[in-house]
Amino acid sequence: MNNTVILNYFEQRLIEKIRDLPPGKVEEVADFVDFLLRRSEHHQTMVRESATLSEKAFAKVWDNPDDAEYDQL
């Protein structure tokens, strides 16, 4: 079973479960999904910013003749 089939299965199950909910609960589910998306975006932003900020601090460690061969990978 490939990832697309598994994802489609879970998407279908989630849709079925949402359809069984009363309208007020559907709104809660939508709010929760929005929260998860924002949290994921925030996490990715923090990881990118941390990597950018650490580049200068690690430059001395990364830029040395002993590790130059790894730059080619």
Protein backbone atom coordinates (compact mmCIF):
# COMPACT_ATOMS: atom_id res chain seq x y z
CA MET A 1 0.00 0.00 0.00
CA ASN A 2 1.55 3.32 -1.01
CA ASN A 3 1.36 6.60 0.90
CA THR A 4 -1.27 8.07 -1.41
CA VAL A 5 -3.65 5.19 -0.79
CA ILE A 6 -3.09 5.41 2.96
CA LEU A 7 -3.61 9.17 2.93
CA ASN A 8 -6.79 8.84 0.87
CA TYR A 9 -8.09 6.24 3.32
CA PHE A 10 -7.46 8.50 6.31
CA GLU A 11 -8.90 11.51 4.53
CA GLN A 12 -12.07 9.57 3.77
CA ARG A 13 -12.36 8.31 7.36
CA LEU A 14 -11.87 11.84 8.68
CA ILE A 15 -14.53 13.22 6.34
CA GLU A 16 -16.95 10.51 7.46
CA LYS A 17 -16.31 11.30 11.12
CA ILE A 18 -16.74 15.04 10.55
CA ARG A 19 -20.05 14.44 8.76
CA ASP A 20 -21.32 12.60 11.85
CA LEU A 21 -20.60 15.56 14.12
CA PRO A 22 -23.14 18.22 15.09
CA PRO A 23 -22.48 21.62 13.43
CA GLY A 24 -20.91 23.17 16.55
CA LYS A 25 -18.37 20.38 16.78
CA VAL A 26 -17.49 20.71 13.09
CA GLU A 27 -16.56 24.33 13.80
CA GLU A 28 -14.34 23.15 16.67
CA VAL A 29 -12.64 20.68 14.34
CA ALA A 30 -12.03 23.44 11.79
CA ASP A 31 -10.58 25.68 14.50
CA PHE A 32 -8.32 22.87 15.69
CA VAL A 33 -7.09 22.18 12.16
CA ASP A 34 -6.31 25.90 11.76
CA PHE A 35 -4.39 25.78 15.05
CA LEU A 36 -2.36 22.78 13.89
CA LEU A 37 -1.53 24.49 10.59
CA ARG A 38 -0.42 27.68 12.34
CA ARG A 39 1.67 25.71 14.83
CA SER A 40 3.33 23.79 12.01
CA GLU A 41 4.07 26.98 10.07
CA HIS A 42 5.45 28.61 13.24
CA HIS A 43 7.68 25.60 13.91
CA GLN A 44 9.06 25.63 10.36
CA THR A 45 9.73 29.37 10.62
CA MET A 46 11.56 28.90 13.92
CA VAL A 47 13.70 26.10 12.47
CA ARG A 48 14.66 28.21 9.43
CA GLU A 49 15.45 31.26 11.56
CA SER A 50 17.49 29.19 14.02
CA ALA A 51 19.50 27.68 11.18
CA THR A 52 20.15 31.10 9.70
CA LEU A 53 21.21 32.56 13.03
CA SER A 54 23.50 29.62 13.79
CA GLU A 55 25.38 29.80 10.47
CA LYS A 56 27.64 32.62 11.61
CA ALA A 57 28.29 30.97 14.97
CA PHE A 58 29.25 27.68 13.34
CA ALA A 59 31.19 29.16 10.41
CA LYS A 60 34.53 28.65 12.15
CA VAL A 61 33.71 25.01 12.79
CA TRP A 62 32.33 24.34 9.32
CA ASP A 63 34.92 26.23 7.29
CA ASN A 64 38.18 24.37 7.85
CA PRO A 65 40.54 22.39 5.66
CA ASP A 66 39.89 19.09 7.44
CA ASP A 67 36.21 19.19 6.49
CA ALA A 68 36.65 20.63 3.00
CA GLU A 69 36.11 17.24 1.36
CA TYR A 70 32.58 17.13 2.84
CA ASP A 71 31.74 20.39 1.07
CA GLN A 72 31.79 18.43 -2.19
CA LEU A 73 28.99 16.06 -1.10
